[in-house]
Amino acid sequence: MDLGIKGKVALVMASSRGLGQAMAVSLAREGVKVAVTGRNPEGLKHSVELIEAAGGKALALNWDLSDISVIDGLVSQVEKELGPIDILINNTGGPPPTLATGQDPALWQKSFNDMVLSLIAITDRVLPGMRQRQWGRIITSTTSGAIAPIKNLAISNTLRAALLAWSKTLSAEVAHEGVTVNIIMPGRIATDRLRQLDEAKAKRENISYADAVKASLQQIPMGRYGDPQEYGDAAAFLASQNASFITGTVMRIDGGQIQAI
């Protein structure tokens, strides 16, 4: 299927590894020019290699999401080297596992700045161009915990739920201008982040890592973890011309795991 986005320009946040990297590669396979971002030089280098191996063009940017002062300069660099941004993939790393109570307010504030405020500010920077060109895709990657809270991930559950409300509100504001705004939501996808969570569960419950994974798989009707590229391909579809009438919605890539309707 031709997704109709060859030659478009994408900015993919937090894409030096994991789900961000997978989304960047899937877009590159469709002929999209991709700017990848992160703080790990080796990870960024690997993302560029994967994109180029897929036949795409890449630009790597060292980008600290906690510093909103760099947004204008880095977006301007993408526009200069690749062109105006047509597709924005909002993605961040996750906070440490936490309970809902007893957390330092400074941790809540830092997490909000890194995971919510930064993405809103980046979107505000690229959105005017999309509206002017009457075409754009804004896709925000969250977590299943935003609609079915996950135990011991209180900060992640709370702040990513805020992104759902923001995305839905924004979608109605720009729909008539050819800009779609959607959420893509992973279940358990086989990334380093998931391994860390399974390891933490094993330690917390004093069980083996294998038993922690087994318990997780029992919650997934498909009986397996998702492949990162399956997630990336779903994001590429939402970014496509074929998805031009899909906005303000949540796409779950979860193997049937999320129980909420």
C-alpha atoms as a PDB file:
ATOM      1  CA  MET A   1       0.000   0.000   0.000  1.00  0.00           C
ATOM      2  CA  ASP A   2       1.274   3.453  -0.924  1.00  0.00           C
ATOM      3  CA  LEU A   3       0.734   5.622   2.148  1.00  0.00           C
ATOM      4  CA  GLY A   4       1.118   8.813   0.137  1.00  0.00           C
ATOM      5  CA  ILE A   5       3.771  10.436   2.330  1.00  0.00           C
ATOM      6  CA  LYS A   6       6.917  10.002   0.249  1.00  0.00           C
ATOM      7  CA  GLY A   7       8.987  13.190   0.451  1.00  0.00           C
ATOM      8  CA  LYS A   8       7.279  14.425   3.620  1.00  0.00           C
ATOM      9  CA  VAL A   9       9.371  15.541   6.598  1.00  0.00           C
ATOM     10  CA  ALA A  10       8.961  14.036  10.072  1.00  0.00           C
ATOM     11  CA  LEU A  11      10.306  15.048  13.453  1.00  0.00           C
ATOM     12  CA  VAL A  12      10.342  12.064  15.812  1.00  0.00           C
ATOM     13  CA  MET A  13      11.036  12.848  19.434  1.00  0.00           C
ATOM     14  CA  ALA A  14      13.030  10.502  21.689  1.00  0.00           C
ATOM     15  CA  SER A  15      13.953   8.270  18.766  1.00  0.00           C
ATOM     16  CA  SER A  16      17.447   7.044  19.612  1.00  0.00           C
ATOM     17  CA  ARG A  17      15.988   3.710  20.731  1.00  0.00           C
ATOM     18  CA  GLY A  18      12.801   1.819  21.497  1.00  0.00           C
ATOM     19  CA  LEU A  19       9.421   2.845  20.165  1.00  0.00           C
ATOM     20  CA  GLY A  20      10.651   6.214  18.909  1.00  0.00           C
ATOM     21  CA  GLN A  21      13.327   4.542  16.825  1.00  0.00           C
ATOM     22  CA  ALA A  22      10.810   2.021  15.457  1.00  0.00           C
ATOM     23  CA  MET A  23       8.433   4.802  14.402  1.00  0.00           C
ATOM     24  CA  ALA A  24      11.256   6.701  12.720  1.00  0.00           C
ATOM     25  CA  VAL A  25      12.314   3.637  10.716  1.00  0.00           C
ATOM     26  CA  SER A  26       8.748   2.855   9.618  1.00  0.00           C
ATOM     27  CA  LEU A  27       8.332   6.398   8.324  1.00  0.00           C
ATOM     28  CA  ALA A  28      11.658   6.184   6.505  1.00  0.00           C
ATOM     29  CA  ARG A  29      10.498   3.028   4.726  1.00  0.00           C
ATOM     30  CA  GLU A  30       7.649   5.103   3.300  1.00  0.00           C
ATOM     31  CA  GLY A  31      10.069   7.656   1.839  1.00  0.00           C
ATOM     32  CA  VAL A  32       9.754  10.210   4.639  1.00  0.00           C
ATOM     33  CA  LYS A  33      12.763  12.348   5.563  1.00  0.00           C
ATOM     34  CA  VAL A  34      13.222  11.896   9.302  1.00  0.00           C
ATOM     35  CA  ALA A  35      14.809  14.005  12.030  1.00  0.00           C
ATOM     36  CA  VAL A  36      15.629  11.804  15.022  1.00  0.00           C
ATOM     37  CA  THR A  37      16.266  13.206  18.478  1.00  0.00           C
ATOM     38  CA  GLY A  38      17.721  12.104  21.782  1.00  0.00           C
ATOM     39  CA  ARG A  39      20.589  12.500  24.222  1.00  0.00           C
ATOM     40  CA  ASN A  40      22.510   9.316  23.421  1.00  0.00           C
ATOM     41  CA  PRO A  41      24.994   9.873  20.558  1.00  0.00           C
ATOM     42  CA  GLU A  42      25.461   6.156  19.930  1.00  0.00           C
ATOM     43  CA  GLY A  43      21.726   5.573  19.898  1.00  0.00           C
ATOM     44  CA  LEU A  44      21.183   8.429  17.470  1.00  0.00           C
ATOM     45  CA  LYS A  45      23.924   7.091  15.226  1.00  0.00           C
ATOM     46  CA  HIS A  46      22.233   3.694  15.192  1.00  0.00           C
ATOM     47  CA  SER A  47      18.871   5.272  14.343  1.00  0.00           C
ATOM     48  CA  VAL A  48      20.440   7.100  11.408  1.00  0.00           C
ATOM     49  CA  GLU A  49      22.016   3.844  10.203  1.00  0.00           C
ATOM     50  CA  LEU A  50      18.667   2.049  10.367  1.00  0.00           C
ATOM     51  CA  ILE A  51      16.898   4.865   8.514  1.00  0.00           C
ATOM     52  CA  GLU A  52      19.525   4.964   5.789  1.00  0.00           C
ATOM     53  CA  ALA A  53      19.415   1.169   5.487  1.00  0.00           C
ATOM     54  CA  ALA A  54      15.681   1.546   4.916  1.00  0.00           C
ATOM     55  CA  GLY A  55      16.422   3.924   2.057  1.00  0.00           C
ATOM     56  CA  GLY A  56      15.579   7.099   3.938  1.00  0.00           C
ATOM     57  CA  LYS A  57      17.284  10.380   4.702  1.00  0.00           C
ATOM     58  CA  ALA A  58      18.005  11.207   8.352  1.00  0.00           C
ATOM     59  CA  LEU A  59      19.084  14.116  10.501  1.00  0.00           C
ATOM     60  CA  ALA A  60      20.249  13.453  14.071  1.00  0.00           C
ATOM     61  CA  LEU A  61      19.706  16.081  16.755  1.00  0.00           C
ATOM     62  CA  ASN A  62      20.997  16.059  20.321  1.00  0.00           C
ATOM     63  CA  TRP A  63      17.838  17.198  22.100  1.00  0.00           C
ATOM     64  CA  ASP A  64      17.142  17.435  25.825  1.00  0.00           C
ATOM     65  CA  LEU A  65      13.368  17.586  26.262  1.00  0.00           C
ATOM     66  CA  SER A  66      13.718  19.217  29.667  1.00  0.00           C
ATOM     67  CA  ASP A  67      15.039  22.409  28.019  1.00  0.00           C
ATOM     68  CA  ILE A  68      12.247  24.151  26.117  1.00  0.00           C
ATOM     69  CA  SER A  69      14.575  27.034  25.225  1.00  0.00           C
ATOM     70  CA  VAL A  70      16.218  24.901  22.497  1.00  0.00           C
ATOM     71  CA  ILE A  71      12.999  24.122  20.645  1.00  0.00           C
ATOM     72  CA  ASP A  72      12.955  27.002  18.185  1.00  0.00           C
ATOM     73  CA  GLY A  73      16.586  26.588  17.187  1.00  0.00           C
ATOM     74  CA  LEU A  74      16.391  22.839  16.675  1.00  0.00           C
ATOM     75  CA  VAL A  75      13.117  22.967  14.745  1.00  0.00           C
ATOM     76  CA  SER A  76      14.627  25.688  12.565  1.00  0.00           C
ATOM     77  CA  GLN A  77      17.572  23.363  11.867  1.00  0.00           C
ATOM     78  CA  VAL A  78      15.205  20.617  10.715  1.00  0.00           C
ATOM     79  CA  GLU A  79      13.380  23.064   8.467  1.00  0.00           C
ATOM     80  CA  LYS A  80      16.663  24.271   6.977  1.00  0.00           C
ATOM     81  CA  GLU A  81      18.193  20.830   6.353  1.00  0.00           C
ATOM     82  CA  LEU A  82      15.133  18.679   5.558  1.00  0.00           C
ATOM     83  CA  GLY A  83      12.256  21.086   4.934  1.00  0.00           C
ATOM     84  CA  PRO A  84       9.049  22.133   6.707  1.00  0.00           C
ATOM     85  CA  ILE A  85       7.818  19.571   9.218  1.00  0.00           C
ATOM     86  CA  ASP A  86       4.733  17.692   8.026  1.00  0.00           C
ATOM     87  CA  ILE A  87       4.652  14.920  10.628  1.00  0.00           C
ATOM     88  CA  LEU A  88       5.366  15.340  14.336  1.00  0.00           C
ATOM     89  CA  ILE A  89       5.719  12.276  16.519  1.00  0.00           C
ATOM     90  CA  ASN A  90       5.513  13.334  20.154  1.00  0.00           C
ATOM     91  CA  ASN A  91       7.309  10.762  22.267  1.00  0.00           C
ATOM     92  CA  THR A  92       9.224  10.808  25.546  1.00  0.00           C
ATOM     93  CA  GLY A  93      10.950   8.434  27.885  1.00  0.00           C
ATOM     94  CA  GLY A  94       9.110   7.331  30.990  1.00  0.00           C
ATOM     95  CA  PRO A  95       9.571   8.386  34.627  1.00  0.00           C
ATOM     96  CA  PRO A  96      10.739   5.942  37.299  1.00  0.00           C
ATOM     97  CA  PRO A  97       8.164   3.558  38.791  1.00  0.00           C
ATOM     98  CA  THR A  98       6.306   5.330  41.615  1.00  0.00           C
ATOM     99  CA  LEU A  99       3.344   5.030  43.921  1.00  0.00           C
ATOM    100  CA  ALA A 100       0.624   7.702  43.767  1.00  0.00           C
ATOM    101  CA  THR A 101       1.541   9.098  47.190  1.00  0.00           C
ATOM    102  CA  GLY A 102       4.712  10.193  48.913  1.00  0.00           C
ATOM    103  CA  GLN A 103       6.557  11.489  45.852  1.00  0.00           C
ATOM    104  CA  ASP A 104       8.681  14.611  45.955  1.00  0.00           C
ATOM    105  CA  PRO A 105       6.783  17.481  44.279  1.00  0.00           C
ATOM    106  CA  ALA A 106      10.011  18.251  42.415  1.00  0.00           C
ATOM    107  CA  LEU A 107       9.786  14.853  40.690  1.00  0.00           C
ATOM    108  CA  TRP A 108       6.196  15.565  39.638  1.00  0.00           C
ATOM    109  CA  GLN A 109       7.252  18.981  38.301  1.00  0.00           C
ATOM    110  CA  LYS A 110      10.256  17.629  36.391  1.00  0.00           C
ATOM    111  CA  SER A 111       8.202  14.819  34.903  1.00  0.00           C
ATOM    112  CA  PHE A 112       5.483  17.261  33.824  1.00  0.00           C
ATOM    113  CA  ASN A 113       8.052  19.499  32.145  1.00  0.00           C
ATOM    114  CA  ASP A 114       9.747  16.586  30.372  1.00  0.00           C
ATOM    115  CA  MET A 115       6.674  14.590  29.365  1.00  0.00           C
ATOM    116  CA  VAL A 116       3.890  17.134  28.856  1.00  0.00           C
ATOM    117  CA  LEU A 117       4.999  20.756  28.645  1.00  0.00           C
ATOM    118  CA  SER A 118       7.867  19.980  26.262  1.00  0.00           C
ATOM    119  CA  LEU A 119       5.572  18.201  23.783  1.00  0.00           C
ATOM    120  CA  ILE A 120       2.995  20.979  23.901  1.00  0.00           C
ATOM    121  CA  ALA A 121       5.705  23.570  23.232  1.00  0.00           C
ATOM    122  CA  ILE A 122       7.158  21.589  20.312  1.00  0.00           C
ATOM    123  CA  THR A 123       3.697  21.173  18.813  1.00  0.00           C
ATOM    124  CA  ASP A 124       3.034  24.910  19.145  1.00  0.00           C
ATOM    125  CA  ARG A 125       6.255  25.552  17.218  1.00  0.00           C
ATOM    126  CA  VAL A 126       5.505  23.304  14.226  1.00  0.00           C
ATOM    127  CA  LEU A 127       1.723  23.647  14.039  1.00  0.00           C
ATOM    128  CA  PRO A 128       1.525  27.084  12.323  1.00  0.00           C
ATOM    129  CA  GLY A 129       3.352  25.717   9.272  1.00  0.00           C
ATOM    130  CA  MET A 130       1.041  22.720   9.054  1.00  0.00           C
ATOM    131  CA  ARG A 131      -2.005  24.959   9.247  1.00  0.00           C
ATOM    132  CA  GLN A 132      -0.629  27.236   6.563  1.00  0.00           C
ATOM    133  CA  ARG A 133       0.028  24.301   4.224  1.00  0.00           C
ATOM    134  CA  GLN A 134      -3.346  22.716   5.123  1.00  0.00           C
ATOM    135  CA  TRP A 135      -1.697  19.370   5.864  1.00  0.00           C
ATOM    136  CA  GLY A 136      -0.152  17.894   8.973  1.00  0.00           C
ATOM    137  CA  ARG A 137       0.006  14.911  11.265  1.00  0.00           C
ATOM    138  CA  ILE A 138       0.518  15.147  15.032  1.00  0.00           C
ATOM    139  CA  ILE A 139       0.834  11.765  16.721  1.00  0.00           C
ATOM    140  CA  THR A 140       1.512  11.438  20.431  1.00  0.00           C
ATOM    141  CA  SER A 141       2.756   8.178  21.909  1.00  0.00           C
ATOM    142  CA  THR A 142       1.487   7.526  25.433  1.00  0.00           C
ATOM    143  CA  THR A 143       0.863   4.388  27.505  1.00  0.00           C
ATOM    144  CA  SER A 144      -2.003   2.030  28.242  1.00  0.00           C
ATOM    145  CA  GLY A 145      -1.786   3.311  31.813  1.00  0.00           C
ATOM    146  CA  ALA A 146      -3.457   6.513  30.663  1.00  0.00           C
ATOM    147  CA  ILE A 147      -6.807   4.687  30.391  1.00  0.00           C
ATOM    148  CA  ALA A 148      -6.151   1.593  32.516  1.00  0.00           C
ATOM    149  CA  PRO A 149      -3.724   2.724  35.256  1.00  0.00           C
ATOM    150  CA  ILE A 150      -0.751   0.434  35.785  1.00  0.00           C
ATOM    151  CA  LYS A 151       0.313  -0.403  39.319  1.00  0.00           C
ATOM    152  CA  ASN A 152       3.449   1.433  40.521  1.00  0.00           C
ATOM    153  CA  LEU A 153       3.484   3.779  37.512  1.00  0.00           C
ATOM    154  CA  ALA A 154       1.476   6.618  39.044  1.00  0.00           C
ATOM    155  CA  ILE A 155       3.385   9.528  37.498  1.00  0.00           C
ATOM    156  CA  SER A 156       3.353   7.981  34.036  1.00  0.00           C
ATOM    157  CA  ASN A 157      -0.362   7.114  34.274  1.00  0.00           C
ATOM    158  CA  THR A 158      -1.278  10.616  35.409  1.00  0.00           C
ATOM    159  CA  LEU A 159       0.765  12.722  33.025  1.00  0.00           C
ATOM    160  CA  ARG A 160       0.140  10.666  29.926  1.00  0.00           C
ATOM    161  CA  ALA A 161      -3.586  10.852  30.653  1.00  0.00           C
ATOM    162  CA  ALA A 162      -3.188  14.623  30.453  1.00  0.00           C
ATOM    163  CA  LEU A 163      -1.793  14.204  26.942  1.00  0.00           C
ATOM    164  CA  LEU A 164      -4.940  12.352  25.899  1.00  0.00           C
ATOM    165  CA  ALA A 165      -7.132  15.269  26.938  1.00  0.00           C
ATOM    166  CA  TRP A 166      -4.807  17.801  25.295  1.00  0.00           C
ATOM    167  CA  SER A 167      -4.666  15.828  22.044  1.00  0.00           C
ATOM    168  CA  LYS A 168      -8.432  15.426  21.859  1.00  0.00           C
ATOM    169  CA  THR A 169      -8.954  19.142  22.498  1.00  0.00           C
ATOM    170  CA  LEU A 170      -6.370  20.140  19.888  1.00  0.00           C
ATOM    171  CA  SER A 171      -7.797  17.786  17.273  1.00  0.00           C
ATOM    172  CA  ALA A 172     -11.082  19.682  17.183  1.00  0.00           C
ATOM    173  CA  GLU A 173      -9.310  23.015  16.877  1.00  0.00           C
ATOM    174  CA  VAL A 174      -7.342  22.129  13.738  1.00  0.00           C
ATOM    175  CA  ALA A 175      -9.393  19.428  11.980  1.00  0.00           C
ATOM    176  CA  HIS A 176     -10.825  21.834   9.394  1.00  0.00           C
ATOM    177  CA  GLU A 177      -7.296  22.872   8.424  1.00  0.00           C
ATOM    178  CA  GLY A 178      -6.143  19.466   7.203  1.00  0.00           C
ATOM    179  CA  VAL A 179      -4.221  18.619  10.377  1.00  0.00           C
ATOM    180  CA  THR A 180      -4.990  15.386  12.211  1.00  0.00           C
ATOM    181  CA  VAL A 181      -4.144  14.841  15.861  1.00  0.00           C
ATOM    182  CA  ASN A 182      -4.121  11.335  17.312  1.00  0.00           C
ATOM    183  CA  ILE A 183      -2.810   9.223  20.160  1.00  0.00           C
ATOM    184  CA  ILE A 184      -0.962   5.953  19.636  1.00  0.00           C
ATOM    185  CA  MET A 185      -0.955   3.739  22.706  1.00  0.00           C
ATOM    186  CA  PRO A 186       1.301   0.740  23.320  1.00  0.00           C
ATOM    187  CA  GLY A 187       0.514  -2.258  25.394  1.00  0.00           C
ATOM    188  CA  ARG A 188       3.517  -4.397  26.226  1.00  0.00           C
ATOM    189  CA  ILE A 189       6.019  -3.918  23.410  1.00  0.00           C
ATOM    190  CA  ALA A 190       9.406  -5.642  23.636  1.00  0.00           C
ATOM    191  CA  THR A 191      11.723  -2.701  24.347  1.00  0.00           C
ATOM    192  CA  ASP A 192      14.454  -1.975  26.891  1.00  0.00           C
ATOM    193  CA  ARG A 193      11.877   0.010  28.897  1.00  0.00           C
ATOM    194  CA  LEU A 194       9.633  -3.050  29.181  1.00  0.00           C
ATOM    195  CA  ARG A 195      12.553  -5.190  30.270  1.00  0.00           C
ATOM    196  CA  GLN A 196      13.337  -2.661  33.009  1.00  0.00           C
ATOM    197  CA  LEU A 197       9.727  -2.748  34.205  1.00  0.00           C
ATOM    198  CA  ASP A 198       9.686  -6.554  34.248  1.00  0.00           C
ATOM    199  CA  GLU A 199      12.958  -6.587  36.167  1.00  0.00           C
ATOM    200  CA  ALA A 200      11.549  -4.108  38.680  1.00  0.00           C
ATOM    201  CA  LYS A 201       8.418  -6.264  39.077  1.00  0.00           C
ATOM    202  CA  ALA A 202      10.542  -9.356  39.685  1.00  0.00           C
ATOM    203  CA  LYS A 203      12.563  -7.573  42.348  1.00  0.00           C
ATOM    204  CA  ARG A 204       9.503  -6.015  43.999  1.00  0.00           C
ATOM    205  CA  GLU A 205       7.619  -9.320  44.176  1.00  0.00           C
ATOM    206  CA  ASN A 206      10.694 -11.452  44.898  1.00  0.00           C
ATOM    207  CA  ILE A 207      10.186 -13.671  41.877  1.00  0.00           C
ATOM    208  CA  SER A 208      12.381 -14.586  38.925  1.00  0.00           C
ATOM    209  CA  TYR A 209      12.504 -12.432  35.809  1.00  0.00           C
ATOM    210  CA  ALA A 210      11.093 -15.346  33.789  1.00  0.00           C
ATOM    211  CA  ASP A 211       8.130 -15.612  36.148  1.00  0.00           C
ATOM    212  CA  ALA A 212       7.528 -11.860  35.889  1.00  0.00           C
ATOM    213  CA  VAL A 213       7.426 -12.109  32.102  1.00  0.00           C
ATOM    214  CA  LYS A 214       5.153 -15.163  32.272  1.00  0.00           C
ATOM    215  CA  ALA A 215       2.704 -13.264  34.471  1.00  0.00           C
ATOM    216  CA  SER A 216       2.705 -10.355  32.030  1.00  0.00           C
ATOM    217  CA  LEU A 217       2.075 -12.589  29.024  1.00  0.00           C
ATOM    218  CA  GLN A 218      -0.943 -14.099  30.751  1.00  0.00           C
ATOM    219  CA  GLN A 219      -2.598 -10.675  30.594  1.00  0.00           C
ATOM    220  CA  ILE A 220      -2.229 -10.452  26.794  1.00  0.00           C
ATOM    221  CA  PRO A 221      -4.789 -12.398  24.718  1.00  0.00           C
ATOM    222  CA  MET A 222      -2.248 -12.869  21.920  1.00  0.00           C
ATOM    223  CA  GLY A 223       0.150 -14.429  24.437  1.00  0.00           C
ATOM    224  CA  ARG A 224       3.215 -12.470  23.367  1.00  0.00           C
ATOM    225  CA  TYR A 225       4.855  -9.067  23.564  1.00  0.00           C
ATOM    226  CA  GLY A 226       4.524  -6.797  20.567  1.00  0.00           C
ATOM    227  CA  ASP A 227       7.377  -6.163  18.166  1.00  0.00           C
ATOM    228  CA  PRO A 228       8.535  -2.504  18.124  1.00  0.00           C
ATOM    229  CA  GLN A 229       8.170  -2.443  14.338  1.00  0.00           C
ATOM    230  CA  GLU A 230       4.500  -3.378  14.637  1.00  0.00           C
ATOM    231  CA  TYR A 231       4.102  -0.227  16.690  1.00  0.00           C
ATOM    232  CA  GLY A 232       6.133   1.810  14.218  1.00  0.00           C
ATOM    233  CA  ASP A 233       4.038   0.624  11.283  1.00  0.00           C
ATOM    234  CA  ALA A 234       0.830   1.642  13.057  1.00  0.00           C
ATOM    235  CA  ALA A 235       2.236   5.131  13.577  1.00  0.00           C
ATOM    236  CA  ALA A 236       3.206   5.333   9.900  1.00  0.00           C
ATOM    237  CA  PHE A 237      -0.366   4.502   8.934  1.00  0.00           C
ATOM    238  CA  LEU A 238      -1.743   7.269  11.153  1.00  0.00           C
ATOM    239  CA  ALA A 239       0.724   9.646   9.487  1.00  0.00           C
ATOM    240  CA  SER A 240      -0.418   8.605   6.029  1.00  0.00           C
ATOM    241  CA  GLN A 241      -2.715  10.152   3.484  1.00  0.00           C
ATOM    242  CA  ASN A 242      -4.875   7.059   3.891  1.00  0.00           C
ATOM    243  CA  ALA A 243      -5.667   8.123   7.472  1.00  0.00           C
ATOM    244  CA  SER A 244      -6.813  11.619   6.520  1.00  0.00           C
ATOM    245  CA  PHE A 245     -10.265  11.172   8.109  1.00  0.00           C
ATOM    246  CA  ILE A 246      -8.942   9.815  11.416  1.00  0.00           C
ATOM    247  CA  THR A 247      -8.455  12.433  14.115  1.00  0.00           C
ATOM    248  CA  GLY A 248      -9.034  12.864  17.823  1.00  0.00           C
ATOM    249  CA  THR A 249      -8.779   9.148  18.464  1.00  0.00           C
ATOM    250  CA  VAL A 250      -6.619   6.597  20.274  1.00  0.00           C
ATOM    251  CA  MET A 251      -5.051   3.674  18.425  1.00  0.00           C
ATOM    252  CA  ARG A 252      -4.152   0.800  20.741  1.00  0.00           C
ATOM    253  CA  ILE A 253      -1.294  -1.506  19.777  1.00  0.00           C
ATOM    254  CA  ASP A 254      -1.686  -3.983  22.602  1.00  0.00           C
ATOM    255  CA  GLY A 255      -2.520  -7.504  21.424  1.00  0.00           C
ATOM    256  CA  GLY A 256      -5.913  -7.124  23.094  1.00  0.00           C
ATOM    257  CA  GLN A 257      -4.445  -6.445  26.538  1.00  0.00           C
ATOM    258  CA  ILE A 258      -6.237  -3.237  27.526  1.00  0.00           C
ATOM    259  CA  GLN A 259      -9.530  -4.162  29.174  1.00  0.00           C
ATOM    260  CA  ALA A 260     -11.139  -0.723  29.106  1.00  0.00           C
ATOM    261  CA  ILE A 261     -13.693  -0.217  26.346  1.00  0.00           C
END
